[in-house]
C-alpha cells in the first residue's frame, strides 16, 4: 500500500513506533490535544504552529495505519484480529480524535495570531457526519458547524467578523502546501447548506431551527458533537438541538415520507455516472448510506423514549435499536456486517492507493492488495467481489423492509 510508506517517508522518526511494544496503541484525545496545543503555543507564528500540528497528525496517522495493517494481516506472534468491527471502531475513533486535536490546534493558532489569548466572541466547532460520529476514515474531510456568541460588551458585527476571520484563517492554515496531508474543513451541512451563512450565533441557530428547520437538517444533527473551542458554548448548542434530533413522540407520517423521498432521490441522482451500484461503498446497494439512513430513521422515531439511541455513532445506535427490540437480531447483524465491510473497503482503498475512494480499484494489483487487507488470499479477488455483493444485497433487503416499509 501507499499511505503508510508515504507517511513514514515524511516522518522517518515514526519508525521507532514499530519497535516499541506499546507504540501502536491509540493515544487518547486528551493526550493528542495536549501535545498539539503545546506545539502551537511554542511556535513563533500561526503557520509554524499549524505545521507542527500537522506533523503530529502525520505521525499519528502512521501509527493508526500501521496498527490497522498489522491487526488485519496478523504476525508470527499474533493472529489477525477476528472482530472486524473492532478494527473499524479503532480506526474511526483514532482518526476522529486526531482530527479534533488538529482542528483545535488550528483554532488556537488562528486566534493567537490575530487576537492573542482571547477572541472577541466565544467560538465552538461542532463535528457532524462521520467526524461527529467518530467514524472518520484515513482520507475523510472534517464536516463541521461553526457557532459563536459575542462576549459581553462586544458589538455583534465585530464578533461576527472575528468569527468569520478565524474560520478563514483556520482553513488557510490547514491547507497550506506542505509535505503533510491537507485537512479540509467542510461546513456544507449547516442551515441552508452552501447558501446559508458560514457561522451563526447560538441565538441565530435557535431562531432558524424554530422557524425554518427542514427534516434533513434535523437528521444531519444526529451526529453532531462538539469537537473544539468553547466547551460551554458547545454544550449549549447540543442542548438546543436535542429536541430537534430526538423529537418528542417521534416523527409524524409526513416527516417519514420526506426522509424516504430524500433517500430515494439521492440514490437516483448522486451515484456517479458509470459507477456499479452493487460495488459503491457509500451510495450503492446495501452500503453505508443505506445502513445509516435506516439507523437514523429509527433514532428520530424512538430516541425520545430510548436513551441508548441518543448517540452519534452508527454501530452503537444499531446495537441500541436491537437491544430495545426495534430491530430483530438477524437483521441487526446483517446491517452491521455490511456497514463494517463497506467501511473497511474504503479504508483499504486509501491504504493501498494513497487517496480516498468509494469503489473497488479496477487495477488488478490494487484490488488484490485490498483483498489481502480484508483477509482474502492472493488470486481470489473475484471471491471478494462476490462476497461484497452478497453481503450488501442482504443488507438492502433489510433496508427495504425497515426503512422503506416494503
Protein backbone atom coordinates (compact mmCIF):
# COMPACT_ATOMS: atom_id res chain seq x y z
CA UNK A 1 0.00 0.00 0.00
CA UNK A 2 0.95 3.65 -0.45
CA UNK A 3 -0.42 5.55 2.52
CA UNK A 4 1.69 4.14 5.37
CA UNK A 5 5.01 4.23 3.43
CA UNK A 6 4.27 7.80 2.25
CA UNK A 7 3.59 8.90 5.83
CA UNK A 8 6.74 7.17 7.03
CA UNK A 9 8.85 8.82 4.32
CA UNK A 10 7.64 12.21 5.56
CA UNK A 11 8.17 11.29 9.23
CA UNK A 12 11.02 8.74 9.36
CA UNK A 13 11.24 9.14 13.14
CA UNK A 14 7.89 7.33 13.34
CA UNK A 15 9.65 4.06 12.52
CA UNK A 16 10.54 3.92 16.23
CA UNK A 17 6.86 3.20 16.92
CA UNK A 18 7.27 -0.19 15.27
CA UNK A 19 9.95 -1.23 17.74
CA UNK A 20 8.04 -0.11 20.83
CA UNK A 21 5.79 -2.85 22.30
CA UNK A 22 3.14 -0.24 23.05
CA UNK A 23 4.00 2.04 20.18
CA UNK A 24 0.96 1.23 18.06
CA UNK A 25 -1.63 1.64 20.80
CA UNK A 26 -4.02 4.53 20.02
CA UNK A 27 -3.46 7.68 22.05
CA UNK A 28 -6.29 9.37 23.88
CA UNK A 29 -7.91 12.53 22.57
CA UNK A 30 -6.69 14.36 25.68
CA UNK A 31 -3.07 13.36 25.08
CA UNK A 32 -3.24 14.34 21.41
CA UNK A 33 -4.85 17.70 22.14
CA UNK A 34 -2.30 18.46 24.85
CA UNK A 35 0.62 17.73 22.51
CA UNK A 36 -0.84 19.70 19.62
CA UNK A 37 -1.75 22.76 21.71
CA UNK A 38 1.67 22.75 23.36
CA UNK A 39 3.36 22.65 19.95
CA UNK A 40 1.20 25.53 18.71
CA UNK A 41 1.99 27.51 21.86
CA UNK A 42 5.75 27.13 21.32
CA UNK A 43 5.63 28.27 17.69
CA UNK A 44 6.56 31.81 16.70
CA UNK A 45 3.85 32.13 14.03
CA UNK A 46 0.45 30.69 13.14
CA UNK A 47 1.97 28.94 10.13
CA UNK A 48 4.70 27.31 12.23
CA UNK A 49 2.16 26.28 14.87
CA UNK A 50 -0.15 24.53 12.42
CA UNK A 51 2.83 22.99 10.62
CA UNK A 52 3.75 21.40 13.97
CA UNK A 53 0.15 20.27 14.49
CA UNK A 54 0.06 18.74 11.03
CA UNK A 55 3.33 16.99 11.78
CA UNK A 56 1.72 15.37 14.83
CA UNK A 57 -1.20 14.38 12.61
CA UNK A 58 1.14 12.78 10.07
CA UNK A 59 2.90 10.72 12.75
CA UNK A 60 -0.37 9.64 14.35
CA UNK A 61 -1.92 8.69 11.01
CA UNK A 62 1.08 6.43 10.51
CA UNK A 63 0.60 4.93 13.99
CA UNK A 64 -3.07 4.23 13.22
CA UNK A 65 -2.42 2.83 9.74
CA UNK A 66 0.44 0.60 10.90
CA UNK A 67 -1.65 -0.82 13.75
CA UNK A 68 -4.58 -1.37 11.40
CA UNK A 69 -2.43 -3.22 8.85
CA UNK A 70 -0.74 -5.41 11.46
CA UNK A 71 -4.02 -6.31 13.14
CA UNK A 72 -5.64 -7.01 9.76
CA UNK A 73 -2.84 -9.25 8.45
CA UNK A 74 -1.60 -10.71 11.72
CA UNK A 75 2.03 -11.51 12.57
CA UNK A 76 4.06 -14.52 13.61
CA UNK A 77 3.33 -13.66 17.24
CA UNK A 78 -0.35 -12.76 16.99
CA UNK A 79 -3.09 -13.78 14.55
CA UNK A 80 -5.19 -11.32 12.60
CA UNK A 81 -7.97 -9.60 14.52
CA UNK A 82 -11.16 -11.63 14.06
CA UNK A 83 -13.51 -8.86 15.20
CA UNK A 84 -13.54 -6.65 12.11
CA UNK A 85 -15.97 -4.28 13.81
CA UNK A 86 -13.34 -3.58 16.46
CA UNK A 87 -10.82 -2.79 13.72
CA UNK A 88 -13.22 -0.27 12.16
CA UNK A 89 -14.08 1.31 15.51
CA UNK A 90 -10.39 1.64 16.40
CA UNK A 91 -9.53 3.42 13.16
CA UNK A 92 -12.61 5.65 13.24
CA UNK A 93 -12.01 6.67 16.83
CA UNK A 94 -8.29 7.29 16.37
CA UNK A 95 -8.62 9.34 13.17
CA UNK A 96 -11.56 11.34 14.57
CA UNK A 97 -9.69 12.14 17.80
CA UNK A 98 -6.65 13.14 15.80
CA UNK A 99 -8.72 15.37 13.53
CA UNK A 100 -10.34 17.05 16.53
CA UNK A 101 -6.92 17.75 18.06
CA UNK A 102 -5.62 19.14 14.77
CA UNK A 103 -8.66 21.41 14.36
CA UNK A 104 -8.24 22.61 17.94
CA UNK A 105 -4.60 23.41 17.20
CA UNK A 106 -5.52 25.38 14.08
CA UNK A 107 -8.13 27.30 16.06
CA UNK A 108 -5.59 28.16 18.76
CA UNK A 109 -3.05 29.28 16.16
CA UNK A 110 -5.57 31.43 14.30
CA UNK A 111 -6.81 33.13 17.46
CA UNK A 112 -3.34 33.71 18.92
CA UNK A 113 -2.03 35.22 15.69
CA UNK A 114 -4.82 37.81 15.37
CA UNK A 115 -6.11 38.43 18.89
CA UNK A 116 -3.70 36.99 21.43
CA UNK A 117 -5.32 34.91 24.15
CA UNK A 118 -8.99 35.79 23.66
CA UNK A 119 -11.26 36.00 20.62
CA UNK A 120 -13.87 38.83 20.81
CA UNK A 121 -16.57 36.17 20.57
CA UNK A 122 -16.99 32.78 22.16
CA UNK A 123 -16.50 30.20 19.44
CA UNK A 124 -17.21 26.47 19.17
CA UNK A 125 -16.77 23.91 16.42
CA UNK A 126 -19.32 21.11 16.16
CA UNK A 127 -18.36 17.93 14.34
CA UNK A 128 -21.08 16.41 12.17
CA UNK A 129 -21.26 13.49 9.76
CA UNK A 130 -18.52 10.90 10.22
CA UNK A 131 -16.50 13.38 12.25
CA UNK A 132 -19.17 13.76 14.92
CA UNK A 133 -19.85 10.03 14.71
CA UNK A 134 -16.21 9.08 15.43
CA UNK A 135 -16.22 7.26 12.09
CA UNK A 136 -13.65 9.13 10.01
CA UNK A 137 -11.52 7.18 7.58
CA UNK A 138 -7.96 7.92 6.55
CA UNK A 139 -8.99 10.25 3.71
CA UNK A 140 -12.09 11.88 5.21
CA UNK A 141 -12.77 15.60 5.30
CA UNK A 142 -13.91 17.20 8.56
CA UNK A 143 -17.63 18.07 8.38
CA UNK A 144 -18.42 20.81 10.89
CA UNK A 145 -20.79 23.54 12.03
CA UNK A 146 -19.49 26.83 13.47
CA UNK A 147 -21.26 28.63 16.31
CA UNK A 148 -20.29 31.81 18.15
CA UNK A 149 -21.64 34.13 20.82
CA UNK A 150 -20.37 37.72 21.28
CA UNK A 151 -18.59 38.36 24.55
CA UNK A 152 -20.19 40.86 26.89
CA UNK A 153 -19.83 44.39 25.57
CA UNK A 154 -18.67 43.32 22.08
CA UNK A 155 -20.63 44.63 19.09
CA UNK A 156 -22.40 41.84 17.18
CA UNK A 157 -20.88 42.86 13.85
CA UNK A 158 -17.39 42.93 15.36
CA UNK A 159 -17.99 39.48 16.84
CA UNK A 160 -19.33 38.08 13.56
CA UNK A 161 -16.36 39.48 11.65
CA UNK A 162 -13.96 37.88 14.15
CA UNK A 163 -15.70 34.51 13.80
CA UNK A 164 -15.57 34.67 10.01
CA UNK A 165 -11.92 35.69 10.08
CA UNK A 166 -10.89 32.84 12.36
CA UNK A 167 -12.66 30.30 10.13
CA UNK A 168 -10.94 31.62 7.01
CA UNK A 169 -7.56 31.57 8.78
CA UNK A 170 -8.06 28.01 10.04
CA UNK A 171 -8.90 26.80 6.56
CA UNK A 172 -5.90 28.57 5.08
CA UNK A 173 -3.51 27.15 7.66
CA UNK A 174 -4.78 23.58 7.31
CA UNK A 175 -4.42 23.65 3.53
CA UNK A 176 -1.01 25.32 3.18
CA UNK A 177 1.15 23.33 0.73
CA UNK A 178 3.44 21.11 2.80
CA UNK A 179 4.60 17.50 2.82
CA UNK A 180 1.72 16.71 5.18
CA UNK A 181 -1.75 15.66 4.06
CA UNK A 182 -4.13 18.67 3.98
CA UNK A 183 -7.18 18.66 6.24
CA UNK A 184 -10.27 20.04 4.52
CA UNK A 185 -12.98 21.61 6.68
CA UNK A 186 -16.45 21.26 5.14
CA UNK A 187 -19.41 23.25 6.53
CA UNK A 188 -21.97 22.29 3.86
CA UNK A 189 -24.29 20.62 6.41
CA UNK A 190 -25.03 23.99 8.04
CA UNK A 191 -28.54 25.52 7.94
CA UNK A 192 -29.49 26.40 4.36
CA UNK A 193 -26.45 24.48 3.11
CA UNK A 194 -23.96 26.35 0.95
CA UNK A 195 -26.33 29.31 0.54
CA UNK A 196 -26.50 29.90 4.31
CA UNK A 197 -24.09 31.90 6.46
CA UNK A 198 -20.88 30.05 7.33
CA UNK A 199 -21.20 30.83 11.04
CA UNK A 200 -24.17 31.79 13.22
CA UNK A 201 -24.69 32.88 16.80
CA UNK A 202 -26.37 30.40 19.11
CA UNK A 203 -29.48 32.60 19.13
CA UNK A 204 -29.49 32.66 15.31
CA UNK A 205 -29.36 28.86 15.21
CA UNK A 206 -32.24 28.77 17.70
CA UNK A 207 -34.33 31.18 15.62
CA UNK A 208 -33.62 29.29 12.41
CA UNK A 209 -34.39 25.86 13.83
CA UNK A 210 -37.57 27.18 15.45
CA UNK A 211 -38.97 28.63 12.21
CA UNK A 212 -37.34 27.04 9.19
CA UNK A 213 -35.65 23.77 10.07
CA UNK A 214 -36.12 21.01 7.49
CA UNK A 215 -36.28 17.31 8.24
CA UNK A 216 -32.91 16.63 6.58
CA UNK A 217 -31.29 19.22 8.82
CA UNK A 218 -32.62 17.56 11.95
CA UNK A 219 -31.37 14.24 10.60
CA UNK A 220 -27.90 15.72 9.98
CA UNK A 221 -27.79 16.83 13.62
CA UNK A 222 -28.00 13.22 14.81
CA UNK A 223 -24.21 13.02 14.54
CA UNK A 224 -23.44 16.49 15.93
CA UNK A 225 -20.90 16.65 18.74
CA UNK A 226 -18.61 19.47 19.96
CA UNK A 227 -15.01 18.87 18.89
CA UNK A 228 -13.11 22.12 19.60
CA UNK A 229 -13.42 25.61 21.00
CA UNK A 230 -15.58 26.89 23.86
CA UNK A 231 -16.76 23.84 25.81
CA UNK A 232 -19.73 25.52 27.48
CA UNK A 233 -20.99 27.03 24.21
CA UNK A 234 -20.70 23.65 22.54
CA UNK A 235 -22.73 22.04 25.33
CA UNK A 236 -25.45 24.69 24.98
CA UNK A 237 -25.61 24.03 21.24
CA UNK A 238 -26.24 20.35 21.98
CA UNK A 239 -28.99 21.30 24.44
CA UNK A 240 -30.55 23.39 21.67
CA UNK A 241 -30.58 20.63 19.04
CA UNK A 242 -31.55 17.62 21.17
CA UNK A 243 -35.32 18.28 20.84
CA UNK A 244 -34.87 18.53 17.05
CA UNK A 245 -32.94 15.32 16.51
CA UNK A 246 -34.82 13.35 19.17
CA UNK A 247 -38.34 14.76 18.65
CA UNK A 248 -40.87 14.02 21.38
CA UNK A 249 -43.22 11.23 20.31
CA UNK A 250 -41.03 10.59 17.25
CA UNK A 251 -41.70 11.59 13.64
CA UNK A 252 -45.04 12.19 12.01
CA UNK A 253 -46.04 10.39 8.82
CA UNK A 254 -45.22 13.41 6.65
CA UNK A 255 -41.68 13.60 8.04
CA UNK A 256 -41.11 9.88 7.49
CA UNK A 257 -42.33 10.20 3.90
CA UNK A 258 -40.00 13.17 3.36
CA UNK A 259 -36.96 11.23 4.64
CA UNK A 260 -37.82 8.30 2.37
CA UNK A 261 -38.29 10.65 -0.59
CA UNK A 262 -34.93 12.33 0.00
CA UNK A 263 -33.17 8.99 0.26
CA UNK A 264 -34.76 7.72 -2.96
CA UNK A 265 -33.77 10.92 -4.78
CA UNK A 266 -30.22 10.65 -3.52
CA UNK A 267 -30.00 7.08 -4.80
CA UNK A 268 -31.08 8.18 -8.28
CA UNK A 269 -29.11 11.42 -8.53
CA UNK A 270 -25.87 11.16 -6.53
CA UNK A 271 -24.39 7.85 -7.63
CA UNK A 272 -21.55 8.79 -10.01
CA UNK A 273 -22.24 8.11 -13.68
CA UNK A 274 -20.88 4.74 -14.70
CA UNK A 275 -20.43 3.51 -11.12
CA UNK A 276 -21.55 -0.05 -10.36
CA UNK A 277 -24.35 0.34 -7.78
CA UNK A 278 -23.55 -3.10 -6.36
CA UNK A 279 -19.96 -2.10 -5.54
CA UNK A 280 -20.19 1.56 -4.48
CA UNK A 281 -19.46 1.52 -0.75
CA UNK A 282 -21.13 4.83 0.12
CA UNK A 283 -24.18 5.19 -2.12
CA UNK A 284 -24.55 1.70 -3.55
CA UNK A 285 -27.00 -1.06 -2.69
CA UNK A 286 -26.69 -2.06 0.97
CA UNK A 287 -23.75 0.29 1.51
CA UNK A 288 -23.01 2.94 4.13
CA UNK A 289 -25.83 5.29 3.19
CA UNK A 290 -28.45 2.53 3.23
CA UNK A 291 -27.47 1.38 6.72
CA UNK A 292 -27.01 4.87 8.16
CA UNK A 293 -30.32 6.25 6.93
CA UNK A 294 -32.11 3.20 8.32
CA UNK A 295 -30.48 3.61 11.73
CA UNK A 296 -31.08 7.36 11.74
CA UNK A 297 -34.77 6.96 10.93
CA UNK A 298 -35.09 4.64 13.92
CA UNK A 299 -33.25 7.17 16.09
CA UNK A 300 -35.56 10.01 15.09
CA UNK A 301 -38.63 7.85 15.69
CA UNK A 302 -37.64 6.30 19.02
CA UNK A 303 -34.71 8.11 20.71
CA UNK A 304 -37.11 10.29 22.71
CA UNK A 305 -38.13 7.12 24.59
CA UNK A 306 -34.92 5.05 24.29
CA UNK A 307 -31.87 6.82 25.77
CA UNK A 308 -29.48 4.27 24.23
CA UNK A 309 -30.34 5.63 20.79
CA UNK A 310 -29.03 9.09 21.70
CA UNK A 311 -25.58 8.53 20.27
CA UNK A 312 -23.70 9.92 17.29
CA UNK A 313 -22.17 6.51 16.47
CA UNK A 314 -23.87 4.31 13.86
CA UNK A 315 -22.90 0.91 15.25
CA UNK A 316 -23.73 1.98 18.81
CA UNK A 317 -27.16 3.20 17.71
CA UNK A 318 -27.76 -0.02 15.77
CA UNK A 319 -26.87 -2.09 18.84
CA UNK A 320 -29.18 0.07 20.98
CA UNK A 321 -32.03 -0.38 18.48
CA UNK A 322 -31.55 -4.15 18.68
CA UNK A 323 -31.39 -4.08 22.50
CA UNK A 324 -34.65 -2.12 22.57
CA UNK A 325 -36.37 -4.69 20.35
CA UNK A 326 -36.69 -2.31 17.41
CA UNK A 327 -34.60 -4.49 15.05
CA UNK A 328 -34.57 -8.31 15.16
CA UNK A 329 -31.24 -9.99 15.86
CA UNK A 330 -30.59 -11.34 12.36
CA UNK A 331 -31.43 -8.05 10.65
CA UNK A 332 -29.21 -6.09 13.05
CA UNK A 333 -26.31 -8.46 12.36
CA UNK A 334 -26.83 -8.16 8.59
CA UNK A 335 -26.79 -4.35 8.71
CA UNK A 336 -23.75 -4.27 10.99
CA UNK A 337 -21.80 -6.71 8.80
CA UNK A 338 -22.49 -4.66 5.66
CA UNK A 339 -21.60 -1.34 7.31
CA UNK A 340 -18.35 -2.70 8.74
CA UNK A 341 -17.36 -4.28 5.42
CA UNK A 342 -18.09 -1.13 3.38
CA UNK A 343 -16.09 0.95 5.86
CA UNK A 344 -13.16 -1.45 5.72
CA UNK A 345 -13.18 -1.38 1.92
CA UNK A 346 -12.94 2.44 1.99
CA UNK A 347 -10.09 2.29 4.48
CA UNK A 348 -8.34 -0.36 2.39
CA UNK A 349 -8.62 1.71 -0.79
CA UNK A 350 -6.99 4.68 0.96
CA UNK A 351 -4.22 2.50 2.40
CA UNK A 352 -3.50 0.88 -0.96
CA UNK A 353 -3.84 3.84 -3.32
CA UNK A 354 -2.94 6.73 -1.04
CA UNK A 355 -6.14 8.59 -1.99
CA UNK A 356 -9.74 8.21 -0.94
CA UNK A 357 -12.27 6.28 -3.00
CA UNK A 358 -15.74 4.79 -2.65
CA UNK A 359 -15.33 1.95 -5.15
CA UNK A 360 -13.07 -1.06 -5.53
CA UNK A 361 -9.91 -0.43 -7.56
CA UNK A 362 -10.11 -1.51 -11.19
CA UNK A 363 -6.39 -2.31 -11.41
CA UNK A 364 -5.76 -5.97 -10.55
CA UNK A 365 -2.73 -5.42 -8.31
CA UNK A 366 -4.52 -2.80 -6.22
CA UNK A 367 -7.67 -4.92 -5.99
CA UNK A 368 -5.54 -7.84 -4.83
CA UNK A 369 -3.99 -5.66 -2.12
CA UNK A 370 -7.45 -4.58 -0.93
CA UNK A 371 -8.42 -8.25 -0.81
CA UNK A 372 -5.40 -9.22 1.28
CA UNK A 373 -6.18 -6.44 3.77
CA UNK A 374 -9.68 -7.91 4.04
CA UNK A 375 -8.34 -11.41 4.61
CA UNK A 376 -8.56 -12.88 1.09
CA UNK A 377 -5.76 -14.98 -0.35
CA UNK A 378 -3.88 -13.84 -3.42
CA UNK A 379 -5.78 -14.53 -6.62
CA UNK A 380 -9.25 -14.52 -5.00
CA UNK A 381 -10.40 -11.00 -5.94
CA UNK A 382 -13.45 -12.45 -7.66
CA UNK A 383 -14.48 -14.13 -4.43
CA UNK A 384 -14.09 -10.81 -2.60
CA UNK A 385 -16.41 -9.01 -5.02
CA UNK A 386 -18.95 -11.86 -4.89
CA UNK A 387 -18.94 -11.77 -1.08
CA UNK A 388 -19.34 -7.99 -1.04
CA UNK A 389 -22.32 -8.17 -3.39
CA UNK A 390 -23.91 -10.98 -1.36
CA UNK A 391 -23.49 -9.22 1.99
CA UNK A 392 -24.76 -5.86 0.75
CA UNK A 393 -27.64 -7.48 -1.16
CA UNK A 394 -28.85 -8.97 2.11
CA UNK A 395 -28.44 -5.59 3.82
CA UNK A 396 -30.51 -3.88 1.12
CA UNK A 397 -33.33 -6.37 1.68
CA UNK A 398 -33.35 -5.36 5.36
CA UNK A 399 -33.30 -1.67 4.38
CA UNK A 400 -36.25 -2.17 2.06
CA UNK A 401 -38.16 -3.69 4.97
CA UNK A 402 -37.14 -1.39 7.82
CA UNK A 403 -36.62 1.91 6.01
CA UNK A 404 -38.99 1.83 3.06
CA UNK A 405 -41.52 -0.43 4.74
CA UNK A 406 -41.69 -2.78 1.76
